[in-house]
Amino acid sequence: MLKGIIFSLITGLVGGLVLHFAEYAFFIPIFMHKSNFVPKKPPPLNSMPCKCTPGNIFHDRLADGNVGPKMVVIGAGCFRMGNLQTEKDNELPIHKVSVNSFAMSRYEISFAEYDRFAQKTHRALPDDNNWGRGQRPVINVSWYDANAYTEWLSQETQEVYRLPKESEWEYAARADTDTPFWWGNTIKPNMANCENCGSPWDNKQTAPVGSFAANPFKLFDTVGNVYEWTCSEYEEKYTENEKETRCLSQYNTNALRVIRGGSWYSGIKFVRVSNRYRFLPNHYDYNIGFRIVREVPQNNESWTKLD
């Protein structure tokens, strides 16, 4: 009886192995052939290898396939930060700052870009002051709103987006110059939107992003149009604390945040590259928008991004 049980077990095991082999060696290939089965290929990404070379322009894809803001790589460097004409105390002392490579949005974030985020996250749409939305820079956004946008963009792209540090903002806006404006010492007609800047929008309303020439780092509208939030804490003068080189936590609700760049109604002295102003993070009005930074690999590492 024991021999019979053993024989049955061995027979069953051998039979199972034979059927298993036959299934994978014969039946599955026939089924795949008869059903014209073709393994799915991953969708083409239209990706291009890229180096973190200063001046390279790119954008990341969002989860729904749309593109994020157009970004430009800003190379690492060192510059003298502050007012070289010693006009305002809060722009002093002039000091040397080193900046790592980063990417910055070529334009101020537009209503079209912000509204997509607001609709996806069920946030209230900011008021456009009856000037129109689309490609005008978003306004009436608080520091918290701007920071939330960067957090959403980071989730959508799996990259690190944030607001610029104050030192990064001035470094990028200066673009290797040491004059009050990236093009020289004085305002030139139709180079920016501010009070008496010589544009059709002066002291009236915002201009569509990219309405004027870009600076040597390929950034638009760093002079006037809207003030731009940074992630840095404001100090009345630069100190050894170097707050201009760091981002402040969103949980610090009582600290003033730095805004830069001046706006469409600012006087000429307020749109100089070194000019600084500040607000609490819950402040918003029709003069303030923002642009963003995306962190990039350092040491010129290779990286791949959607074009």
C-alpha atoms as a PDB file:
ATOM      1  CA  MET A   1       0.000   0.000   0.000  1.00  0.00           C
ATOM      2  CA  LEU A   2       2.864   2.353   0.859  1.00  0.00           C
ATOM      3  CA  LYS A   3       4.488   1.657  -2.500  1.00  0.00           C
ATOM      4  CA  GLY A   4       1.226   2.539  -4.211  1.00  0.00           C
ATOM      5  CA  ILE A   5       1.000   5.880  -2.428  1.00  0.00           C
ATOM      6  CA  ILE A   6       4.609   6.725  -3.292  1.00  0.00           C
ATOM      7  CA  PHE A   7       4.055   5.716  -6.914  1.00  0.00           C
ATOM      8  CA  SER A   8       0.957   7.952  -7.104  1.00  0.00           C
ATOM      9  CA  LEU A   9       2.809  10.943  -5.672  1.00  0.00           C
ATOM     10  CA  ILE A  10       5.726  10.538  -8.080  1.00  0.00           C
ATOM     11  CA  THR A  11       3.375  10.091 -11.014  1.00  0.00           C
ATOM     12  CA  GLY A  12       1.417  13.224 -10.063  1.00  0.00           C
ATOM     13  CA  LEU A  13       4.550  15.298  -9.635  1.00  0.00           C
ATOM     14  CA  VAL A  14       6.002  14.208 -12.970  1.00  0.00           C
ATOM     15  CA  GLY A  15       2.678  14.820 -14.685  1.00  0.00           C
ATOM     16  CA  GLY A  16       2.418  18.329 -13.220  1.00  0.00           C
ATOM     17  CA  LEU A  17       5.907  19.237 -14.388  1.00  0.00           C
ATOM     18  CA  VAL A  18       5.148  17.936 -17.892  1.00  0.00           C
ATOM     19  CA  LEU A  19       1.938  20.014 -18.099  1.00  0.00           C
ATOM     20  CA  HIS A  20       3.716  23.107 -16.742  1.00  0.00           C
ATOM     21  CA  PHE A  21       6.450  22.725 -19.358  1.00  0.00           C
ATOM     22  CA  ALA A  22       3.931  22.196 -22.120  1.00  0.00           C
ATOM     23  CA  GLU A  23       1.984  25.302 -21.092  1.00  0.00           C
ATOM     24  CA  TYR A  24       4.980  27.621 -21.334  1.00  0.00           C
ATOM     25  CA  ALA A  25       6.679  25.895 -24.255  1.00  0.00           C
ATOM     26  CA  PHE A  26       3.658  25.290 -26.453  1.00  0.00           C
ATOM     27  CA  PHE A  27       0.217  26.650 -25.476  1.00  0.00           C
ATOM     28  CA  ILE A  28       1.214  30.214 -24.465  1.00  0.00           C
ATOM     29  CA  PRO A  29       3.313  30.860 -27.607  1.00  0.00           C
ATOM     30  CA  ILE A  30       0.427  29.580 -29.783  1.00  0.00           C
ATOM     31  CA  PHE A  31      -2.051  31.809 -27.964  1.00  0.00           C
ATOM     32  CA  MET A  32       0.216  34.840 -28.306  1.00  0.00           C
ATOM     33  CA  HIS A  33       0.678  34.096 -32.018  1.00  0.00           C
ATOM     34  CA  LYS A  34      -3.026  33.531 -32.722  1.00  0.00           C
ATOM     35  CA  SER A  35      -4.082  36.678 -30.889  1.00  0.00           C
ATOM     36  CA  ASN A  36      -1.387  38.765 -32.622  1.00  0.00           C
ATOM     37  CA  PHE A  37      -0.073  39.693 -29.201  1.00  0.00           C
ATOM     38  CA  VAL A  38       2.590  42.393 -29.324  1.00  0.00           C
ATOM     39  CA  PRO A  39       4.330  43.496 -26.107  1.00  0.00           C
ATOM     40  CA  LYS A  40       3.583  47.137 -25.382  1.00  0.00           C
ATOM     41  CA  LYS A  41       6.433  49.560 -25.780  1.00  0.00           C
ATOM     42  CA  PRO A  42       6.765  52.520 -23.429  1.00  0.00           C
ATOM     43  CA  PRO A  43       5.389  55.715 -24.993  1.00  0.00           C
ATOM     44  CA  PRO A  44       8.020  57.880 -26.687  1.00  0.00           C
ATOM     45  CA  LEU A  45       9.196  60.626 -24.385  1.00  0.00           C
ATOM     46  CA  ASN A  46      10.763  62.903 -26.991  1.00  0.00           C
ATOM     47  CA  SER A  47      13.509  63.292 -24.436  1.00  0.00           C
ATOM     48  CA  MET A  48      16.883  64.717 -25.139  1.00  0.00           C
ATOM     49  CA  PRO A  49      20.094  64.294 -23.174  1.00  0.00           C
ATOM     50  CA  CYS A  50      21.214  67.583 -21.751  1.00  0.00           C
ATOM     51  CA  LYS A  51      24.081  69.031 -19.776  1.00  0.00           C
ATOM     52  CA  CYS A  52      23.604  71.618 -17.077  1.00  0.00           C
ATOM     53  CA  THR A  53      25.217  74.131 -19.383  1.00  0.00           C
ATOM     54  CA  PRO A  54      24.450  77.783 -18.638  1.00  0.00           C
ATOM     55  CA  GLY A  55      21.896  79.086 -21.100  1.00  0.00           C
ATOM     56  CA  ASN A  56      20.268  75.720 -21.840  1.00  0.00           C
ATOM     57  CA  ILE A  57      16.483  76.106 -22.048  1.00  0.00           C
ATOM     58  CA  PHE A  58      14.123  73.268 -21.130  1.00  0.00           C
ATOM     59  CA  HIS A  59      10.811  72.429 -19.520  1.00  0.00           C
ATOM     60  CA  ASP A  60       9.558  69.480 -17.489  1.00  0.00           C
ATOM     61  CA  ARG A  61       6.407  67.505 -18.226  1.00  0.00           C
ATOM     62  CA  LEU A  62       3.469  67.536 -15.843  1.00  0.00           C
ATOM     63  CA  ALA A  63       1.659  64.343 -14.911  1.00  0.00           C
ATOM     64  CA  ASP A  64      -1.106  65.020 -17.464  1.00  0.00           C
ATOM     65  CA  GLY A  65       1.370  65.472 -20.309  1.00  0.00           C
ATOM     66  CA  ASN A  66       1.277  69.257 -20.389  1.00  0.00           C
ATOM     67  CA  VAL A  67       4.533  71.170 -20.072  1.00  0.00           C
ATOM     68  CA  GLY A  68       5.674  73.121 -17.066  1.00  0.00           C
ATOM     69  CA  PRO A  69       7.186  76.613 -17.129  1.00  0.00           C
ATOM     70  CA  LYS A  70      10.068  77.206 -19.508  1.00  0.00           C
ATOM     71  CA  MET A  71      13.322  77.178 -17.541  1.00  0.00           C
ATOM     72  CA  VAL A  72      16.881  78.300 -18.271  1.00  0.00           C
ATOM     73  CA  VAL A  73      20.050  76.998 -16.615  1.00  0.00           C
ATOM     74  CA  ILE A  74      21.996  79.638 -14.691  1.00  0.00           C
ATOM     75  CA  GLY A  75      25.647  78.741 -14.169  1.00  0.00           C
ATOM     76  CA  ALA A  76      27.384  78.811 -10.815  1.00  0.00           C
ATOM     77  CA  GLY A  77      29.361  81.937 -10.005  1.00  0.00           C
ATOM     78  CA  CYS A  78      30.341  84.661  -7.601  1.00  0.00           C
ATOM     79  CA  PHE A  79      29.151  88.277  -7.570  1.00  0.00           C
ATOM     80  CA  ARG A  80      29.077  91.428  -5.476  1.00  0.00           C
ATOM     81  CA  MET A  81      25.621  91.687  -3.930  1.00  0.00           C
ATOM     82  CA  GLY A  82      24.155  95.003  -2.881  1.00  0.00           C
ATOM     83  CA  ASN A  83      23.866  98.576  -4.064  1.00  0.00           C
ATOM     84  CA  LEU A  84      27.053  99.541  -5.820  1.00  0.00           C
ATOM     85  CA  GLN A  85      25.908 103.185  -5.845  1.00  0.00           C
ATOM     86  CA  THR A  86      25.304 103.215  -2.039  1.00  0.00           C
ATOM     87  CA  GLU A  87      21.842 104.724  -2.384  1.00  0.00           C
ATOM     88  CA  LYS A  88      19.823 102.745   0.185  1.00  0.00           C
ATOM     89  CA  ASP A  89      20.964 101.395   3.534  1.00  0.00           C
ATOM     90  CA  ASN A  90      19.020  98.139   3.237  1.00  0.00           C
ATOM     91  CA  GLU A  91      21.110  97.297   0.158  1.00  0.00           C
ATOM     92  CA  LEU A  92      24.334  97.433   2.152  1.00  0.00           C
ATOM     93  CA  PRO A  93      26.956  96.373   2.870  1.00  0.00           C
ATOM     94  CA  ILE A  94      28.154  95.238  -0.520  1.00  0.00           C
ATOM     95  CA  HIS A  95      29.419  91.704  -0.079  1.00  0.00           C
ATOM     96  CA  LYS A  96      30.646  88.819  -2.176  1.00  0.00           C
ATOM     97  CA  VAL A  97      28.276  85.853  -2.600  1.00  0.00           C
ATOM     98  CA  SER A  98      28.870  82.485  -4.269  1.00  0.00           C
ATOM     99  CA  VAL A  99      25.934  80.810  -6.005  1.00  0.00           C
ATOM    100  CA  ASN A 100      25.567  77.203  -7.145  1.00  0.00           C
ATOM    101  CA  SER A 101      24.085  76.354 -10.527  1.00  0.00           C
ATOM    102  CA  PHE A 102      20.275  76.362 -10.721  1.00  0.00           C
ATOM    103  CA  ALA A 103      17.519  76.779 -13.290  1.00  0.00           C
ATOM    104  CA  MET A 104      15.090  79.702 -13.209  1.00  0.00           C
ATOM    105  CA  SER A 105      11.836  80.312 -15.054  1.00  0.00           C
ATOM    106  CA  ARG A 106      12.473  82.569 -18.040  1.00  0.00           C
ATOM    107  CA  TYR A 107       9.253  84.455 -17.362  1.00  0.00           C
ATOM    108  CA  GLU A 108       7.258  85.460 -14.332  1.00  0.00           C
ATOM    109  CA  ILE A 109       4.677  82.743 -13.702  1.00  0.00           C
ATOM    110  CA  SER A 110       1.644  83.551 -15.809  1.00  0.00           C
ATOM    111  CA  PHE A 111      -2.051  83.324 -15.013  1.00  0.00           C
ATOM    112  CA  ALA A 112      -2.303  80.417 -17.469  1.00  0.00           C
ATOM    113  CA  GLU A 113       0.322  78.454 -15.518  1.00  0.00           C
ATOM    114  CA  TYR A 114      -1.020  79.342 -12.094  1.00  0.00           C
ATOM    115  CA  ASP A 115      -4.668  78.791 -13.031  1.00  0.00           C
ATOM    116  CA  ARG A 116      -3.895  75.224 -14.174  1.00  0.00           C
ATOM    117  CA  PHE A 117      -2.451  74.540 -10.731  1.00  0.00           C
ATOM    118  CA  ALA A 118      -5.371  76.219  -8.948  1.00  0.00           C
ATOM    119  CA  GLN A 119      -7.947  74.224 -10.895  1.00  0.00           C
ATOM    120  CA  LYS A 120      -6.104  70.936 -10.336  1.00  0.00           C
ATOM    121  CA  THR A 121      -5.860  71.564  -6.603  1.00  0.00           C
ATOM    122  CA  HIS A 122      -9.294  73.195  -6.188  1.00  0.00           C
ATOM    123  CA  ARG A 123      -7.915  76.535  -5.049  1.00  0.00           C
ATOM    124  CA  ALA A 124      -9.599  79.864  -5.603  1.00  0.00           C
ATOM    125  CA  LEU A 125      -8.426  81.679  -8.723  1.00  0.00           C
ATOM    126  CA  PRO A 126      -6.630  84.953  -7.936  1.00  0.00           C
ATOM    127  CA  ASP A 127      -8.207  88.212  -9.107  1.00  0.00           C
ATOM    128  CA  ASP A 128      -6.740  89.595 -12.347  1.00  0.00           C
ATOM    129  CA  ASN A 129      -7.826  93.191 -11.579  1.00  0.00           C
ATOM    130  CA  ASN A 130      -9.790  93.153 -14.869  1.00  0.00           C
ATOM    131  CA  TRP A 131      -6.550  93.245 -16.870  1.00  0.00           C
ATOM    132  CA  GLY A 132      -6.896  89.764 -18.333  1.00  0.00           C
ATOM    133  CA  ARG A 133      -5.343  86.409 -17.533  1.00  0.00           C
ATOM    134  CA  GLY A 134      -3.531  84.107 -19.984  1.00  0.00           C
ATOM    135  CA  GLN A 135       0.042  85.309 -20.470  1.00  0.00           C
ATOM    136  CA  ARG A 136      -0.091  88.186 -18.026  1.00  0.00           C
ATOM    137  CA  PRO A 137       1.912  87.554 -14.845  1.00  0.00           C
ATOM    138  CA  VAL A 138      -0.203  86.148 -12.053  1.00  0.00           C
ATOM    139  CA  ILE A 139      -0.942  88.752  -9.348  1.00  0.00           C
ATOM    140  CA  ASN A 140      -2.793  88.801  -6.028  1.00  0.00           C
ATOM    141  CA  VAL A 141      -0.910  85.750  -4.790  1.00  0.00           C
ATOM    142  CA  SER A 142       0.593  85.475  -1.320  1.00  0.00           C
ATOM    143  CA  TRP A 143       3.935  83.907  -0.483  1.00  0.00           C
ATOM    144  CA  TYR A 144       1.993  80.839   0.624  1.00  0.00           C
ATOM    145  CA  ASP A 145       0.233  80.648  -2.744  1.00  0.00           C
ATOM    146  CA  ALA A 146       3.521  80.915  -4.621  1.00  0.00           C
ATOM    147  CA  ASN A 147       5.169  78.315  -2.396  1.00  0.00           C
ATOM    148  CA  ALA A 148       2.200  75.948  -2.846  1.00  0.00           C
ATOM    149  CA  TYR A 149       2.608  76.243  -6.609  1.00  0.00           C
ATOM    150  CA  THR A 150       6.256  75.125  -6.381  1.00  0.00           C
ATOM    151  CA  GLU A 151       5.303  72.185  -4.151  1.00  0.00           C
ATOM    152  CA  TRP A 152       2.636  71.087  -6.646  1.00  0.00           C
ATOM    153  CA  LEU A 153       5.086  71.435  -9.530  1.00  0.00           C
ATOM    154  CA  SER A 154       7.610  69.303  -7.636  1.00  0.00           C
ATOM    155  CA  GLN A 155       5.007  66.561  -7.180  1.00  0.00           C
ATOM    156  CA  GLU A 156       3.931  66.728 -10.820  1.00  0.00           C
ATOM    157  CA  THR A 157       7.448  66.548 -12.266  1.00  0.00           C
ATOM    158  CA  GLN A 158       9.333  64.644  -9.546  1.00  0.00           C
ATOM    159  CA  GLU A 159      11.907  67.438  -9.581  1.00  0.00           C
ATOM    160  CA  VAL A 160      12.733  69.991  -6.877  1.00  0.00           C
ATOM    161  CA  TYR A 161      11.051  73.345  -7.526  1.00  0.00           C
ATOM    162  CA  ARG A 162      10.987  76.268  -5.093  1.00  0.00           C
ATOM    163  CA  LEU A 163      11.056  80.039  -4.906  1.00  0.00           C
ATOM    164  CA  PRO A 164      14.452  81.647  -5.540  1.00  0.00           C
ATOM    165  CA  LYS A 165      16.742  82.619  -2.715  1.00  0.00           C
ATOM    166  CA  GLU A 166      17.307  86.357  -2.600  1.00  0.00           C
ATOM    167  CA  SER A 167      20.955  85.931  -3.594  1.00  0.00           C
ATOM    168  CA  GLU A 168      19.959  83.732  -6.549  1.00  0.00           C
ATOM    169  CA  TRP A 169      17.436  86.318  -7.679  1.00  0.00           C
ATOM    170  CA  GLU A 170      19.937  89.193  -7.703  1.00  0.00           C
ATOM    171  CA  TYR A 171      22.652  87.067  -9.282  1.00  0.00           C
ATOM    172  CA  ALA A 172      20.307  86.020 -12.108  1.00  0.00           C
ATOM    173  CA  ALA A 173      18.868  89.516 -12.581  1.00  0.00           C
ATOM    174  CA  ARG A 174      22.327  91.112 -12.704  1.00  0.00           C
ATOM    175  CA  ALA A 175      23.514  88.596 -15.318  1.00  0.00           C
ATOM    176  CA  ASP A 176      27.212  89.399 -14.869  1.00  0.00           C
ATOM    177  CA  THR A 177      26.656  93.159 -14.746  1.00  0.00           C
ATOM    178  CA  ASP A 178      27.275  95.657 -11.942  1.00  0.00           C
ATOM    179  CA  THR A 179      24.997  98.492 -13.075  1.00  0.00           C
ATOM    180  CA  PRO A 180      21.556  99.427 -11.669  1.00  0.00           C
ATOM    181  CA  PHE A 181      19.878  97.755 -14.676  1.00  0.00           C
ATOM    182  CA  TRP A 182      21.255  94.843 -16.649  1.00  0.00           C
ATOM    183  CA  TRP A 183      21.591  97.069 -19.743  1.00  0.00           C
ATOM    184  CA  GLY A 184      23.287 100.027 -18.016  1.00  0.00           C
ATOM    185  CA  ASN A 185      23.007 102.890 -15.572  1.00  0.00           C
ATOM    186  CA  THR A 186      19.780 104.525 -16.749  1.00  0.00           C
ATOM    187  CA  ILE A 187      16.329 103.512 -17.918  1.00  0.00           C
ATOM    188  CA  LYS A 188      15.936 103.127 -21.668  1.00  0.00           C
ATOM    189  CA  PRO A 189      12.574 103.449 -23.440  1.00  0.00           C
ATOM    190  CA  ASN A 190      10.516 100.278 -23.777  1.00  0.00           C
ATOM    191  CA  MET A 191      12.937  98.032 -21.881  1.00  0.00           C
ATOM    192  CA  ALA A 192      10.657  97.505 -18.879  1.00  0.00           C
ATOM    193  CA  ASN A 193       7.241  98.271 -17.401  1.00  0.00           C
ATOM    194  CA  CYS A 194       7.351 100.776 -14.527  1.00  0.00           C
ATOM    195  CA  GLU A 195       6.444 104.379 -13.855  1.00  0.00           C
ATOM    196  CA  ASN A 196       8.231 106.419 -16.543  1.00  0.00           C
ATOM    197  CA  CYS A 197       9.907 103.381 -18.108  1.00  0.00           C
ATOM    198  CA  GLY A 198       8.624 104.346 -21.556  1.00  0.00           C
ATOM    199  CA  SER A 199       6.325 101.388 -22.203  1.00  0.00           C
ATOM    200  CA  PRO A 200       2.603 101.330 -23.172  1.00  0.00           C
ATOM    201  CA  TRP A 201       1.763  99.781 -19.787  1.00  0.00           C
ATOM    202  CA  ASP A 202       3.626 102.255 -17.549  1.00  0.00           C
ATOM    203  CA  ASN A 203       1.784 103.013 -14.313  1.00  0.00           C
ATOM    204  CA  LYS A 204      -1.393 101.424 -15.739  1.00  0.00           C
ATOM    205  CA  GLN A 205      -1.229  97.635 -15.514  1.00  0.00           C
ATOM    206  CA  THR A 206       0.943  94.579 -16.010  1.00  0.00           C
ATOM    207  CA  ALA A 207       2.366  93.725 -19.416  1.00  0.00           C
ATOM    208  CA  PRO A 208       2.183  90.195 -20.882  1.00  0.00           C
ATOM    209  CA  VAL A 209       5.247  88.223 -19.836  1.00  0.00           C
ATOM    210  CA  GLY A 210       8.142  88.492 -22.277  1.00  0.00           C
ATOM    211  CA  SER A 211       7.083  91.857 -23.711  1.00  0.00           C
ATOM    212  CA  PHE A 212      10.629  93.231 -23.446  1.00  0.00           C
ATOM    213  CA  ALA A 213      14.130  92.035 -24.239  1.00  0.00           C
ATOM    214  CA  ALA A 214      15.687  89.284 -22.131  1.00  0.00           C
ATOM    215  CA  ASN A 215      18.809  89.880 -20.068  1.00  0.00           C
ATOM    216  CA  PRO A 216      22.123  88.119 -20.900  1.00  0.00           C
ATOM    217  CA  PHE A 217      21.003  85.101 -18.822  1.00  0.00           C
ATOM    218  CA  LYS A 218      17.891  84.799 -21.060  1.00  0.00           C
ATOM    219  CA  LEU A 219      15.499  85.948 -18.317  1.00  0.00           C
ATOM    220  CA  PHE A 220      12.605  88.299 -19.081  1.00  0.00           C
ATOM    221  CA  ASP A 221      10.996  90.974 -16.904  1.00  0.00           C
ATOM    222  CA  THR A 222      13.497  91.082 -14.049  1.00  0.00           C
ATOM    223  CA  VAL A 223      12.971  94.854 -14.120  1.00  0.00           C
ATOM    224  CA  GLY A 224       9.459  96.026 -13.241  1.00  0.00           C
ATOM    225  CA  ASN A 225       6.125  94.463 -14.281  1.00  0.00           C
ATOM    226  CA  VAL A 226       5.505  92.708 -10.921  1.00  0.00           C
ATOM    227  CA  TYR A 227       7.467  92.342  -7.726  1.00  0.00           C
ATOM    228  CA  GLU A 228       8.580  88.731  -7.247  1.00  0.00           C
ATOM    229  CA  TRP A 229       8.498  86.691  -4.046  1.00  0.00           C
ATOM    230  CA  THR A 230      11.723  85.033  -2.900  1.00  0.00           C
ATOM    231  CA  CYS A 231      12.070  82.293  -0.291  1.00  0.00           C
ATOM    232  CA  SER A 232      14.443  84.349   1.900  1.00  0.00           C
ATOM    233  CA  GLU A 233      13.839  86.206   5.146  1.00  0.00           C
ATOM    234  CA  TYR A 234      14.237  89.980   5.097  1.00  0.00           C
ATOM    235  CA  GLU A 235      16.872  91.757   7.174  1.00  0.00           C
ATOM    236  CA  GLU A 236      17.156  95.531   7.290  1.00  0.00           C
ATOM    237  CA  LYS A 237      20.822  95.193   6.391  1.00  0.00           C
ATOM    238  CA  TYR A 238      22.898  92.278   5.184  1.00  0.00           C
ATOM    239  CA  THR A 239      24.634  90.581   8.114  1.00  0.00           C
ATOM    240  CA  GLU A 240      26.846  87.610   8.830  1.00  0.00           C
ATOM    241  CA  ASN A 241      23.624  85.583   9.202  1.00  0.00           C
ATOM    242  CA  GLU A 242      23.512  85.433   5.387  1.00  0.00           C
ATOM    243  CA  LYS A 243      19.749  85.086   5.314  1.00  0.00           C
ATOM    244  CA  GLU A 244      19.791  86.177   1.680  1.00  0.00           C
ATOM    245  CA  THR A 245      21.466  82.849   0.788  1.00  0.00           C
ATOM    246  CA  ARG A 246      18.871  80.603   2.428  1.00  0.00           C
ATOM    247  CA  CYS A 247      15.197  79.705   2.181  1.00  0.00           C
ATOM    248  CA  LEU A 248      12.928  80.335   5.129  1.00  0.00           C
ATOM    249  CA  SER A 249      10.569  77.601   6.325  1.00  0.00           C
ATOM    250  CA  GLN A 250       6.928  78.033   5.374  1.00  0.00           C
ATOM    251  CA  TYR A 251       6.063  77.379   9.020  1.00  0.00           C
ATOM    252  CA  ASN A 252       7.719  80.634  10.101  1.00  0.00           C
ATOM    253  CA  THR A 253       4.641  82.814   9.734  1.00  0.00           C
ATOM    254  CA  ASN A 254       5.929  85.949  11.481  1.00  0.00           C
ATOM    255  CA  ALA A 255       9.054  86.647   9.431  1.00  0.00           C
ATOM    256  CA  LEU A 256       9.070  89.109   6.557  1.00  0.00           C
ATOM    257  CA  ARG A 257       9.823  87.698   3.103  1.00  0.00           C
ATOM    258  CA  VAL A 258      11.892  89.539   0.520  1.00  0.00           C
ATOM    259  CA  ILE A 259      10.332  90.681  -2.751  1.00  0.00           C
ATOM    260  CA  ARG A 260      12.430  91.860  -5.692  1.00  0.00           C
ATOM    261  CA  GLY A 261      12.281  93.574  -9.066  1.00  0.00           C
ATOM    262  CA  GLY A 262       9.768  96.406  -8.712  1.00  0.00           C
ATOM    263  CA  SER A 263       6.422  96.609 -10.496  1.00  0.00           C
ATOM    264  CA  TRP A 264       4.412  98.360 -13.208  1.00  0.00           C
ATOM    265  CA  TYR A 265       3.753 101.371 -10.966  1.00  0.00           C
ATOM    266  CA  SER A 266       7.114 101.539  -9.184  1.00  0.00           C
ATOM    267  CA  GLY A 267       9.340 104.565  -9.623  1.00  0.00           C
ATOM    268  CA  ILE A 268      12.585 104.020 -11.468  1.00  0.00           C
ATOM    269  CA  LYS A 269      14.715 103.780  -8.305  1.00  0.00           C
ATOM    270  CA  PHE A 270      12.557 100.866  -7.100  1.00  0.00           C
ATOM    271  CA  VAL A 271      13.174  98.696 -10.151  1.00  0.00           C
ATOM    272  CA  ARG A 272      16.973  98.703  -9.837  1.00  0.00           C
ATOM    273  CA  VAL A 273      18.469  95.226  -9.606  1.00  0.00           C
ATOM    274  CA  SER A 274      19.605  95.716  -5.986  1.00  0.00           C
ATOM    275  CA  ASN A 275      16.343  97.193  -4.680  1.00  0.00           C
ATOM    276  CA  ARG A 276      14.734  95.219  -1.837  1.00  0.00           C
ATOM    277  CA  TYR A 277      11.345  95.279  -0.210  1.00  0.00           C
ATOM    278  CA  ARG A 278       9.433  92.989   2.144  1.00  0.00           C
ATOM    279  CA  PHE A 279       6.030  91.736   3.218  1.00  0.00           C
ATOM    280  CA  LEU A 280       4.568  89.153   5.544  1.00  0.00           C
ATOM    281  CA  PRO A 281       3.870  85.868   3.738  1.00  0.00           C
ATOM    282  CA  ASN A 282       0.075  86.268   3.833  1.00  0.00           C
ATOM    283  CA  HIS A 283       0.199  89.589   1.956  1.00  0.00           C
ATOM    284  CA  TYR A 284      -1.068  89.817  -1.613  1.00  0.00           C
ATOM    285  CA  ASP A 285      -1.914  92.622  -4.008  1.00  0.00           C
ATOM    286  CA  TYR A 286      -1.901  93.558  -7.688  1.00  0.00           C
ATOM    287  CA  ASN A 287       1.810  94.393  -7.717  1.00  0.00           C
ATOM    288  CA  ILE A 288       3.234  91.048  -6.616  1.00  0.00           C
ATOM    289  CA  GLY A 289       3.781  87.829  -8.557  1.00  0.00           C
ATOM    290  CA  PHE A 290       6.684  85.389  -8.651  1.00  0.00           C
ATOM    291  CA  ARG A 291       9.071  83.310 -10.692  1.00  0.00           C
ATOM    292  CA  ILE A 292      10.513  79.943  -9.711  1.00  0.00           C
ATOM    293  CA  VAL A 293      13.742  77.979  -9.396  1.00  0.00           C
ATOM    294  CA  ARG A 294      14.352  74.341 -10.230  1.00  0.00           C
ATOM    295  CA  GLU A 295      17.348  72.635  -8.657  1.00  0.00           C
ATOM    296  CA  VAL A 296      19.721  70.948 -11.108  1.00  0.00           C
ATOM    297  CA  PRO A 297      22.602  68.466 -10.758  1.00  0.00           C
ATOM    298  CA  GLN A 298      25.883  70.058  -9.835  1.00  0.00           C
ATOM    299  CA  ASN A 299      29.331  69.436 -11.356  1.00  0.00           C
ATOM    300  CA  ASN A 300      27.877  69.379 -14.880  1.00  0.00           C
ATOM    301  CA  GLU A 301      26.315  65.913 -14.451  1.00  0.00           C
ATOM    302  CA  SER A 302      24.228  64.583 -17.332  1.00  0.00           C
ATOM    303  CA  TRP A 303      20.467  64.765 -17.031  1.00  0.00           C
ATOM    304  CA  THR A 304      17.535  64.077 -19.321  1.00  0.00           C
ATOM    305  CA  LYS A 305      14.511  66.303 -19.673  1.00  0.00           C
ATOM    306  CA  LEU A 306      11.513  66.500 -21.919  1.00  0.00           C
ATOM    307  CA  ASP A 307      11.824  69.090 -24.623  1.00  0.00           C
END
